[in-house]
Amino acid sequence: MHHDLPGVPWYGLRKLYLLERERYQQRNHGFVVRGYGEWLRAFFFSAVAVNAHPGIGKASRAGEQAGESDES
């Protein structure tokens, strides 16, 4: 919801959501998250597979081979 209304402060989102609850739930096919605590309980202790873009490692190695360095 906050992506739809970027100008609304976080403390105003609940009131607007409650006014349009059915429309938002319908639009999201019933997907509802009841706050960040729900996400934390579900995923805080879960491992995350981090996938870097395949070109990132190549670009980094190419810079090292050309004599470039991040150190100043």
Protein backbone atom coordinates (compact mmCIF):
# COMPACT_ATOMS: atom_id res chain seq x y z
CA MET A 1 0.00 0.00 0.00
CA HIS A 2 2.80 2.43 0.81
CA HIS A 3 4.09 2.05 -2.76
CA ASP A 4 0.73 3.29 -4.07
CA LEU A 5 0.74 6.31 -1.77
CA PRO A 6 4.36 7.45 -1.35
CA GLY A 7 3.32 10.88 -0.08
CA VAL A 8 1.37 9.49 2.87
CA PRO A 9 3.37 9.27 6.11
CA TRP A 10 3.65 5.80 7.65
CA TYR A 11 1.34 6.73 10.52
CA GLY A 12 -1.45 7.59 8.09
CA LEU A 13 -1.39 4.29 6.20
CA ARG A 14 -3.47 2.30 8.69
CA LYS A 15 -6.40 4.72 8.54
CA LEU A 16 -6.39 4.73 4.74
CA TYR A 17 -6.03 0.95 4.60
CA LEU A 18 -9.00 0.46 6.90
CA LEU A 19 -11.12 2.73 4.70
CA GLU A 20 -10.22 0.72 1.57
CA ARG A 21 -9.48 -2.68 3.12
CA GLU A 22 -11.71 -4.77 0.86
CA ARG A 23 -10.39 -3.10 -2.30
CA TYR A 24 -6.75 -3.65 -1.29
CA GLN A 25 -7.35 -7.27 -0.31
CA GLN A 26 -9.19 -7.93 -3.56
CA ARG A 27 -6.43 -6.28 -5.56
CA ASN A 28 -3.80 -8.42 -3.79
CA HIS A 29 -5.84 -11.64 -4.12
CA GLY A 30 -6.27 -11.92 -0.36
CA PHE A 31 -2.58 -11.49 0.45
CA VAL A 32 -2.39 -9.68 3.79
CA VAL A 33 0.58 -9.20 6.09
CA ARG A 34 -0.32 -8.10 9.58
CA GLY A 35 2.79 -6.02 10.23
CA TYR A 36 6.54 -6.48 10.15
CA GLY A 37 6.40 -8.81 13.16
CA GLU A 38 4.78 -11.42 10.94
CA TRP A 39 7.71 -11.21 8.51
CA LEU A 40 10.24 -11.38 11.35
CA ARG A 41 8.65 -14.47 12.91
CA ALA A 42 8.49 -16.20 9.54
CA PHE A 43 11.91 -15.34 8.14
CA PHE A 44 14.30 -13.97 10.79
CA PHE A 45 16.09 -17.27 11.40
CA SER A 46 15.86 -18.48 7.80
CA ALA A 47 18.96 -18.67 5.67
CA VAL A 48 18.95 -16.54 2.55
CA ALA A 49 20.58 -17.54 -0.72
CA VAL A 50 22.25 -14.45 -2.13
CA ASN A 51 22.62 -14.53 -5.87
CA ALA A 52 24.86 -11.89 -7.39
CA HIS A 53 24.50 -10.92 -11.01
CA PRO A 54 26.87 -13.10 -13.08
CA GLY A 55 28.65 -10.04 -14.49
CA ILE A 56 29.58 -8.62 -11.09
CA GLY A 57 32.40 -11.05 -10.40
CA LYS A 58 33.76 -10.73 -13.93
CA ALA A 59 33.82 -6.93 -13.80
CA SER A 60 35.57 -7.00 -10.46
CA ARG A 61 38.23 -9.43 -11.67
CA ALA A 62 38.70 -7.46 -14.91
CA GLY A 63 39.43 -4.30 -12.89
CA GLU A 64 41.99 -6.14 -10.77
CA GLN A 65 43.71 -7.49 -13.88
CA ALA A 66 43.90 -3.99 -15.38
CA GLY A 67 45.72 -2.80 -12.27
CA GLU A 68 42.79 -0.90 -10.81
CA SER A 69 42.25 -0.99 -7.09
CA ASP A 70 39.61 0.21 -4.64
CA GLU A 71 42.32 1.22 -2.19
CA SER A 72 43.42 4.85 -2.28
